[in-house]
PDB file of all heavy atoms in Angstrom:
ATOM      1  N   ALA A   1      44.670  -2.142  -3.907  1.00  0.00           N
ATOM      2  CA  ALA A   1      43.433  -2.407  -4.659  1.00  0.00           C
ATOM      3  C   ALA A   1      42.531  -3.410  -3.943  1.00  0.00           C
ATOM      4  O   ALA A   1      41.312  -3.231  -3.859  1.00  0.00           O
ATOM      5  CB  ALA A   1      43.768  -2.900  -6.068  1.00  0.00           C
ATOM      6  N   GLY A   2      43.132  -4.467  -3.406  1.00  0.00           N
ATOM      7  CA  GLY A   2      42.348  -5.505  -2.746  1.00  0.00           C
ATOM      8  C   GLY A   2      41.601  -5.025  -1.523  1.00  0.00           C
ATOM      9  O   GLY A   2      40.589  -5.618  -1.120  1.00  0.00           O
ATOM     10  N   ARG A   3      42.078  -3.919  -0.914  1.00  0.00           N
ATOM     11  CA  ARG A   3      41.417  -3.356   0.270  1.00  0.00           C
ATOM     12  C   ARG A   3      40.280  -2.411  -0.122  1.00  0.00           C
ATOM     13  O   ARG A   3      39.433  -2.103   0.711  1.00  0.00           O
ATOM     14  CB  ARG A   3      42.448  -2.576   1.121  1.00  0.00           C
ATOM     15  CG  ARG A   3      43.679  -3.394   1.540  1.00  0.00           C
ATOM     16  CD  ARG A   3      43.362  -4.341   2.676  1.00  0.00           C
ATOM     17  NE  ARG A   3      42.904  -3.667   3.863  1.00  0.00           N
ATOM     18  CZ  ARG A   3      43.750  -3.150   4.763  1.00  0.00           C
ATOM     19  NH1 ARG A   3      45.070  -3.202   4.593  1.00  0.00           N
ATOM     20  NH2 ARG A   3      43.259  -2.583   5.857  1.00  0.00           N
ATOM     21  N   ILE A   4      40.284  -1.964  -1.367  1.00  0.00           N
ATOM     22  CA  ILE A   4      39.306  -0.972  -1.826  1.00  0.00           C
ATOM     23  C   ILE A   4      38.138  -1.618  -2.567  1.00  0.00           C
ATOM     24  O   ILE A   4      36.973  -1.288  -2.341  1.00  0.00           O
ATOM     25  CB  ILE A   4      39.989   0.064  -2.763  1.00  0.00           C
ATOM     26  CG1 ILE A   4      41.215   0.696  -2.099  1.00  0.00           C
ATOM     27  CG2 ILE A   4      38.989   1.116  -3.225  1.00  0.00           C
ATOM     28  CD1 ILE A   4      40.938   1.474  -0.866  1.00  0.00           C
ATOM     29  N   LEU A   5      38.456  -2.552  -3.470  1.00  0.00           N
ATOM     30  CA  LEU A   5      37.468  -3.064  -4.418  1.00  0.00           C
ATOM     31  C   LEU A   5      36.226  -3.686  -3.770  1.00  0.00           C
ATOM     32  O   LEU A   5      35.120  -3.575  -4.338  1.00  0.00           O
ATOM     33  CB  LEU A   5      38.135  -4.060  -5.376  1.00  0.00           C
ATOM     34  CG  LEU A   5      39.096  -3.399  -6.398  1.00  0.00           C
ATOM     35  CD1 LEU A   5      39.878  -4.454  -7.171  1.00  0.00           C
ATOM     36  CD2 LEU A   5      38.328  -2.488  -7.347  1.00  0.00           C
ATOM     37  N   PRO A   6      36.318  -4.359  -2.605  1.00  0.00           N
ATOM     38  CA  PRO A   6      35.089  -4.901  -2.011  1.00  0.00           C
ATOM     39  C   PRO A   6      34.024  -3.848  -1.703  1.00  0.00           C
ATOM     40  O   PRO A   6      32.840  -4.180  -1.584  1.00  0.00           O
ATOM     41  CB  PRO A   6      35.590  -5.560  -0.720  1.00  0.00           C
ATOM     42  CG  PRO A   6      37.035  -5.871  -0.977  1.00  0.00           C
ATOM     43  CD  PRO A   6      37.527  -4.758  -1.844  1.00  0.00           C
ATOM     44  N   TYR A   7      34.445  -2.589  -1.574  1.00  0.00           N
ATOM     45  CA  TYR A   7      33.506  -1.518  -1.214  1.00  0.00           C
ATOM     46  C   TYR A   7      32.910  -0.803  -2.435  1.00  0.00           C
ATOM     47  O   TYR A   7      32.019   0.032  -2.277  1.00  0.00           O
ATOM     48  CB  TYR A   7      34.224  -0.476  -0.339  1.00  0.00           C
ATOM     49  CG  TYR A   7      34.698  -1.014   0.986  1.00  0.00           C
ATOM     50  CD1 TYR A   7      35.980  -1.539   1.125  1.00  0.00           C
ATOM     51  CD2 TYR A   7      33.873  -1.012   2.095  1.00  0.00           C
ATOM     52  CE1 TYR A   7      36.419  -2.038   2.338  1.00  0.00           C
ATOM     53  CE2 TYR A   7      34.300  -1.504   3.314  1.00  0.00           C
ATOM     54  CZ  TYR A   7      35.578  -2.032   3.429  1.00  0.00           C
ATOM     55  OH  TYR A   7      36.011  -2.527   4.637  1.00  0.00           O
ATOM     56  N   VAL A   8      33.380  -1.130  -3.616  1.00  0.00           N
ATOM     57  CA  VAL A   8      32.997  -0.386  -4.821  1.00  0.00           C
ATOM     58  C   VAL A   8      31.618  -0.827  -5.314  1.00  0.00           C
ATOM     59  O   VAL A   8      31.302  -2.023  -5.328  1.00  0.00           O
ATOM     60  CB  VAL A   8      34.062  -0.579  -5.925  1.00  0.00           C
ATOM     61  CG1 VAL A   8      33.640   0.148  -7.204  1.00  0.00           C
ATOM     62  CG2 VAL A   8      35.419  -0.056  -5.436  1.00  0.00           C
ATOM     63  N   ASP A   9      30.808   0.148  -5.755  1.00  0.00           N
ATOM     64  CA  ASP A   9      29.465  -0.183  -6.224  1.00  0.00           C
ATOM     65  C   ASP A   9      28.971   0.887  -7.198  1.00  0.00           C
ATOM     66  O   ASP A   9      29.597   1.931  -7.364  1.00  0.00           O
ATOM     67  CB  ASP A   9      28.490  -0.289  -5.030  1.00  0.00           C
ATOM     68  CG  ASP A   9      27.350  -1.288  -5.297  1.00  0.00           C
ATOM     69  OD1 ASP A   9      26.953  -1.472  -6.475  1.00  0.00           O
ATOM     70  OD2 ASP A   9      26.846  -1.868  -4.309  1.00  0.00           O
ATOM     71  N   HIS A  10      27.823   0.580  -7.837  1.00  0.00           N
ATOM     72  CA  HIS A  10      27.137   1.549  -8.704  1.00  0.00           C
ATOM     73  C   HIS A  10      26.310   2.451  -7.778  1.00  0.00           C
ATOM     74  O   HIS A  10      25.106   2.224  -7.564  1.00  0.00           O
ATOM     75  CB  HIS A  10      26.225   0.842  -9.711  1.00  0.00           C
ATOM     76  CG  HIS A  10      26.859  -0.328 -10.399  1.00  0.00           C
ATOM     77  ND1 HIS A  10      27.936  -0.203 -11.238  1.00  0.00           N
ATOM     78  CD2 HIS A  10      26.554  -1.654 -10.353  1.00  0.00           C
ATOM     79  CE1 HIS A  10      28.270  -1.411 -11.686  1.00  0.00           C
ATOM     80  NE2 HIS A  10      27.449  -2.303 -11.172  1.00  0.00           N
ATOM     81  N   VAL A  11      26.916   3.452  -7.241  1.00  0.00           N
ATOM     82  CA  VAL A  11      26.302   4.245  -6.185  1.00  0.00           C
ATOM     83  C   VAL A  11      25.049   4.960  -6.657  1.00  0.00           C
ATOM     84  O   VAL A  11      24.063   5.063  -5.922  1.00  0.00           O
ATOM     85  CB  VAL A  11      27.339   5.228  -5.583  1.00  0.00           C
ATOM     86  CG1 VAL A  11      26.677   6.419  -4.916  1.00  0.00           C
ATOM     87  CG2 VAL A  11      28.219   4.483  -4.581  1.00  0.00           C
ATOM     88  N   TRP A  12      25.051   5.443  -7.897  1.00  0.00           N
ATOM     89  CA  TRP A  12      23.860   6.130  -8.410  1.00  0.00           C
ATOM     90  C   TRP A  12      22.644   5.217  -8.343  1.00  0.00           C
ATOM     91  O   TRP A  12      21.528   5.663  -8.017  1.00  0.00           O
ATOM     92  CB  TRP A  12      24.094   6.608  -9.855  1.00  0.00           C
ATOM     93  CG  TRP A  12      24.323   5.484 -10.843  1.00  0.00           C
ATOM     94  CD1 TRP A  12      25.527   4.939 -11.200  1.00  0.00           C
ATOM     95  CD2 TRP A  12      23.321   4.761 -11.571  1.00  0.00           C
ATOM     96  NE1 TRP A  12      25.325   3.915 -12.105  1.00  0.00           N
ATOM     97  CE2 TRP A  12      23.987   3.788 -12.348  1.00  0.00           C
ATOM     98  CE3 TRP A  12      21.932   4.836 -11.644  1.00  0.00           C
ATOM     99  CZ2 TRP A  12      23.310   2.903 -13.182  1.00  0.00           C
ATOM    100  CZ3 TRP A  12      21.238   3.954 -12.466  1.00  0.00           C
ATOM    101  CH2 TRP A  12      21.950   3.000 -13.231  1.00  0.00           C
ATOM    102  N   ARG A  13      22.853   3.917  -8.632  1.00  0.00           N
ATOM    103  CA  ARG A  13      21.737   2.960  -8.617  1.00  0.00           C
ATOM    104  C   ARG A  13      21.306   2.628  -7.191  1.00  0.00           C
ATOM    105  O   ARG A  13      20.111   2.529  -6.896  1.00  0.00           O
ATOM    106  CB  ARG A  13      22.118   1.697  -9.371  1.00  0.00           C
ATOM    107  CG  ARG A  13      20.934   0.759  -9.584  1.00  0.00           C
ATOM    108  CD  ARG A  13      21.203  -0.249 -10.669  1.00  0.00           C
ATOM    109  NE  ARG A  13      22.250  -1.189 -10.279  1.00  0.00           N
ATOM    110  CZ  ARG A  13      22.759  -2.111 -11.086  1.00  0.00           C
ATOM    111  NH1 ARG A  13      22.367  -2.180 -12.347  1.00  0.00           N
ATOM    112  NH2 ARG A  13      23.689  -2.944 -10.661  1.00  0.00           N
ATOM    113  N   VAL A  14      22.306   2.473  -6.311  1.00  0.00           N
ATOM    114  CA  VAL A  14      22.004   2.209  -4.908  1.00  0.00           C
ATOM    115  C   VAL A  14      21.146   3.336  -4.334  1.00  0.00           C
ATOM    116  O   VAL A  14      20.137   3.095  -3.661  1.00  0.00           O
ATOM    117  CB  VAL A  14      23.309   2.059  -4.083  1.00  0.00           C
ATOM    118  CG1 VAL A  14      23.000   1.990  -2.592  1.00  0.00           C
ATOM    119  CG2 VAL A  14      24.085   0.822  -4.533  1.00  0.00           C
ATOM    120  N   LEU A  15      21.534   4.580  -4.613  1.00  0.00           N
ATOM    121  CA  LEU A  15      20.798   5.725  -4.099  1.00  0.00           C
ATOM    122  C   LEU A  15      19.397   5.812  -4.691  1.00  0.00           C
ATOM    123  O   LEU A  15      18.439   6.156  -3.995  1.00  0.00           O
ATOM    124  CB  LEU A  15      21.566   7.021  -4.372  1.00  0.00           C
ATOM    125  CG  LEU A  15      22.786   7.257  -3.461  1.00  0.00           C
ATOM    126  CD1 LEU A  15      23.607   8.435  -3.968  1.00  0.00           C
ATOM    127  CD2 LEU A  15      22.331   7.501  -2.030  1.00  0.00           C
ATOM    128  N   ASP A  16      19.280   5.493  -5.969  1.00  0.00           N
ATOM    129  CA  ASP A  16      17.963   5.511  -6.614  1.00  0.00           C
ATOM    130  C   ASP A  16      17.039   4.489  -5.957  1.00  0.00           C
ATOM    131  O   ASP A  16      15.871   4.775  -5.674  1.00  0.00           O
ATOM    132  CB  ASP A  16      18.116   5.219  -8.112  1.00  0.00           C
ATOM    133  CG  ASP A  16      16.809   5.398  -8.875  1.00  0.00           C
ATOM    134  OD1 ASP A  16      16.201   6.485  -8.781  1.00  0.00           O
ATOM    135  OD2 ASP A  16      16.390   4.450  -9.563  1.00  0.00           O
ATOM    136  N   GLU A  17      17.562   3.298  -5.699  1.00  0.00           N
ATOM    137  CA  GLU A  17      16.763   2.247  -5.072  1.00  0.00           C
ATOM    138  C   GLU A  17      16.352   2.646  -3.657  1.00  0.00           C
ATOM    139  O   GLU A  17      15.193   2.458  -3.253  1.00  0.00           O
ATOM    140  CB  GLU A  17      17.553   0.929  -5.052  1.00  0.00           C
ATOM    141  CG  GLU A  17      17.735   0.308  -6.430  1.00  0.00           C
ATOM    142  CD  GLU A  17      18.733  -0.828  -6.439  1.00  0.00           C
ATOM    143  OE1 GLU A  17      19.402  -1.052  -5.398  1.00  0.00           O
ATOM    144  OE2 GLU A  17      18.883  -1.487  -7.501  1.00  0.00           O
ATOM    145  N   ARG A  18      17.300   3.194  -2.906  1.00  0.00           N
ATOM    146  CA  ARG A  18      17.007   3.587  -1.526  1.00  0.00           C
ATOM    147  C   ARG A  18      15.986   4.727  -1.474  1.00  0.00           C
ATOM    148  O   ARG A  18      15.100   4.750  -0.621  1.00  0.00           O
ATOM    149  CB  ARG A  18      18.296   4.006  -0.811  1.00  0.00           C
ATOM    150  CG  ARG A  18      19.328   2.891  -0.652  1.00  0.00           C
ATOM    151  CD  ARG A  18      18.839   1.803   0.285  1.00  0.00           C
ATOM    152  NE  ARG A  18      19.773   0.735   0.479  1.00  0.00           N
ATOM    153  CZ  ARG A  18      20.367   0.433   1.651  1.00  0.00           C
ATOM    154  NH1 ARG A  18      20.112   1.142   2.729  1.00  0.00           N
ATOM    155  NH2 ARG A  18      21.206  -0.568   1.733  1.00  0.00           N
ATOM    156  N   ARG A  19      16.126   5.655  -2.408  1.00  0.00           N
ATOM    157  CA  ARG A  19      15.197   6.786  -2.443  1.00  0.00           C
ATOM    158  C   ARG A  19      13.783   6.318  -2.782  1.00  0.00           C
ATOM    159  O   ARG A  19      12.800   6.746  -2.161  1.00  0.00           O
ATOM    160  CB  ARG A  19      15.683   7.817  -3.461  1.00  0.00           C
ATOM    161  CG  ARG A  19      14.905   9.111  -3.451  1.00  0.00           C
ATOM    162  CD  ARG A  19      15.541  10.122  -4.381  1.00  0.00           C
ATOM    163  NE  ARG A  19      15.454   9.721  -5.769  1.00  0.00           N
ATOM    164  CZ  ARG A  19      14.390   9.927  -6.550  1.00  0.00           C
ATOM    165  NH1 ARG A  19      13.313  10.520  -6.078  1.00  0.00           N
ATOM    166  NH2 ARG A  19      14.403   9.536  -7.819  1.00  0.00           N
ATOM    167  N   ARG A  20      13.686   5.434  -3.766  1.00  0.00           N
ATOM    168  CA  ARG A  20      12.373   4.911  -4.158  1.00  0.00           C
ATOM    169  C   ARG A  20      11.728   4.098  -3.041  1.00  0.00           C
ATOM    170  O   ARG A  20      10.500   3.999  -2.953  1.00  0.00           O
ATOM    171  CB  ARG A  20      12.494   4.071  -5.431  1.00  0.00           C
ATOM    172  CG  ARG A  20      12.813   4.902  -6.673  1.00  0.00           C
ATOM    173  CD  ARG A  20      13.022   4.016  -7.890  1.00  0.00           C
ATOM    174  NE  ARG A  20      13.451   4.782  -9.047  1.00  0.00           N
ATOM    175  CZ  ARG A  20      12.640   5.407  -9.876  1.00  0.00           C
ATOM    176  NH1 ARG A  20      11.320   5.347  -9.681  1.00  0.00           N
ATOM    177  NH2 ARG A  20      13.113   6.093 -10.911  1.00  0.00           N
ATOM    178  N   ALA A  21      12.583   3.518  -2.201  1.00  0.00           N
ATOM    179  CA  ALA A  21      12.062   2.732  -1.078  1.00  0.00           C
ATOM    180  C   ALA A  21      11.631   3.619   0.091  1.00  0.00           C
ATOM    181  O   ALA A  21      11.159   3.119   1.122  1.00  0.00           O
ATOM    182  CB  ALA A  21      13.121   1.735  -0.610  1.00  0.00           C
ATOM    183  N   GLY A  22      11.818   4.951  -0.072  1.00  0.00           N
ATOM    184  CA  GLY A  22      11.377   5.882   0.963  1.00  0.00           C
ATOM    185  C   GLY A  22      12.363   6.085   2.098  1.00  0.00           C
ATOM    186  O   GLY A  22      12.003   6.609   3.159  1.00  0.00           O
ATOM    187  N   GLU A  23      13.630   5.679   1.894  1.00  0.00           N
ATOM    188  CA  GLU A  23      14.615   5.857   2.950  1.00  0.00           C
ATOM    189  C   GLU A  23      15.083   7.310   3.015  1.00  0.00           C
ATOM    190  O   GLU A  23      15.079   8.033   2.010  1.00  0.00           O
ATOM    191  CB  GLU A  23      15.812   4.921   2.722  1.00  0.00           C
ATOM    192  CG  GLU A  23      15.438   3.451   2.869  1.00  0.00           C
ATOM    193  CD  GLU A  23      16.644   2.536   2.905  1.00  0.00           C
ATOM    194  OE1 GLU A  23      17.779   3.014   3.029  1.00  0.00           O
ATOM    195  OE2 GLU A  23      16.435   1.303   2.813  1.00  0.00           O
ATOM    196  N   ARG A  24      15.495   7.717   4.202  1.00  0.00           N
ATOM    197  CA  ARG A  24      15.979   9.073   4.403  1.00  0.00           C
ATOM    198  C   ARG A  24      17.462   9.159   4.079  1.00  0.00           C
ATOM    199  O   ARG A  24      18.276   8.401   4.634  1.00  0.00           O
ATOM    200  CB  ARG A  24      15.758   9.498   5.852  1.00  0.00           C
ATOM    201  CG  ARG A  24      14.299   9.657   6.240  1.00  0.00           C
ATOM    202  CD  ARG A  24      14.182   9.903   7.739  1.00  0.00           C
ATOM    203  NE  ARG A  24      12.853  10.371   8.110  1.00  0.00           N
ATOM    204  CZ  ARG A  24      12.471  10.654   9.323  1.00  0.00           C
ATOM    205  NH1 ARG A  24      13.335  10.548  10.313  1.00  0.00           N
ATOM    206  NH2 ARG A  24      11.242  11.067   9.577  1.00  0.00           N
ATOM    207  N   ILE A  25      17.813  10.092   3.203  1.00  0.00           N
ATOM    208  CA  ILE A  25      19.202  10.249   2.773  1.00  0.00           C
ATOM    209  C   ILE A  25      19.736  11.581   3.294  1.00  0.00           C
ATOM    210  O   ILE A  25      19.103  12.623   3.127  1.00  0.00           O
ATOM    211  CB  ILE A  25      19.320  10.181   1.237  1.00  0.00           C
ATOM    212  CG1 ILE A  25      18.714   8.866   0.714  1.00  0.00           C
ATOM    213  CG2 ILE A  25      20.789  10.294   0.806  1.00  0.00           C
ATOM    214  CD1 ILE A  25      18.575   8.814  -0.798  1.00  0.00           C
ATOM    215  N   LEU A  26      20.905  11.524   3.898  1.00  0.00           N
ATOM    216  CA  LEU A  26      21.582  12.712   4.390  1.00  0.00           C
ATOM    217  C   LEU A  26      22.837  12.936   3.558  1.00  0.00           C
ATOM    218  O   LEU A  26      23.708  12.078   3.495  1.00  0.00           O
ATOM    219  CB  LEU A  26      21.958  12.529   5.864  1.00  0.00           C
ATOM    220  CG  LEU A  26      22.712  13.676   6.543  1.00  0.00           C
ATOM    221  CD1 LEU A  26      21.868  14.930   6.586  1.00  0.00           C
ATOM    222  CD2 LEU A  26      23.124  13.268   7.962  1.00  0.00           C
ATOM    223  N   PHE A  27      22.920  14.071   2.880  1.00  0.00           N
ATOM    224  CA  PHE A  27      24.069  14.420   2.058  1.00  0.00           C
ATOM    225  C   PHE A  27      24.987  15.326   2.882  1.00  0.00           C
ATOM    226  O   PHE A  27      24.602  16.430   3.271  1.00  0.00           O
ATOM    227  CB  PHE A  27      23.631  15.133   0.775  1.00  0.00           C
ATOM    228  CG  PHE A  27      22.765  14.290  -0.120  1.00  0.00           C
ATOM    229  CD1 PHE A  27      21.383  14.301   0.016  1.00  0.00           C
ATOM    230  CD2 PHE A  27      23.321  13.486  -1.095  1.00  0.00           C
ATOM    231  CE1 PHE A  27      20.572  13.527  -0.811  1.00  0.00           C
ATOM    232  CE2 PHE A  27      22.519  12.710  -1.929  1.00  0.00           C
ATOM    233  CZ  PHE A  27      21.146  12.730  -1.781  1.00  0.00           C
ATOM    234  N   GLU A  28      26.174  14.871   3.131  1.00  0.00           N
ATOM    235  CA  GLU A  28      27.088  15.519   4.066  1.00  0.00           C
ATOM    236  C   GLU A  28      28.150  16.335   3.320  1.00  0.00           C
ATOM    237  O   GLU A  28      29.044  15.778   2.686  1.00  0.00           O
ATOM    238  CB  GLU A  28      27.752  14.445   4.934  1.00  0.00           C
ATOM    239  CG  GLU A  28      28.822  14.955   5.851  1.00  0.00           C
ATOM    240  CD  GLU A  28      29.555  13.836   6.580  1.00  0.00           C
ATOM    241  OE1 GLU A  28      29.275  12.654   6.320  1.00  0.00           O
ATOM    242  OE2 GLU A  28      30.423  14.167   7.406  1.00  0.00           O
ATOM    243  N   GLY A  29      28.041  17.649   3.398  1.00  0.00           N
ATOM    244  CA  GLY A  29      29.026  18.511   2.759  1.00  0.00           C
ATOM    245  C   GLY A  29      30.270  18.683   3.614  1.00  0.00           C
ATOM    246  O   GLY A  29      30.254  18.473   4.825  1.00  0.00           O
ATOM    247  N   ALA A  30      31.359  19.069   2.970  1.00  0.00           N
ATOM    248  CA  ALA A  30      32.613  19.373   3.663  1.00  0.00           C
ATOM    249  C   ALA A  30      33.031  20.801   3.321  1.00  0.00           C
ATOM    250  O   ALA A  30      32.533  21.400   2.371  1.00  0.00           O
ATOM    251  CB  ALA A  30      33.699  18.384   3.254  1.00  0.00           C
ATOM    252  N   GLN A  31      33.952  21.340   4.106  1.00  0.00           N
ATOM    253  CA  GLN A  31      34.361  22.741   3.961  1.00  0.00           C
ATOM    254  C   GLN A  31      33.151  23.689   4.118  1.00  0.00           C
ATOM    255  O   GLN A  31      32.233  23.360   4.846  1.00  0.00           O
ATOM    256  CB  GLN A  31      35.112  22.986   2.633  1.00  0.00           C
ATOM    257  CG  GLN A  31      36.467  22.306   2.570  1.00  0.00           C
ATOM    258  CD  GLN A  31      36.416  20.884   2.032  1.00  0.00           C
ATOM    259  OE1 GLN A  31      35.672  20.529   1.141  1.00  0.00           O
ATOM    260  NE2 GLN A  31      37.207  20.036   2.591  1.00  0.00           N
TER     261      GLN A  31
END
């Protein structure tokens, strides 16, 4: 847990902020 938790965030909000700021987002699919 201690190795994972520092990376955890409200990702939906981070993405919303970045998108509104005009940053380019690349969504990477697998398979």
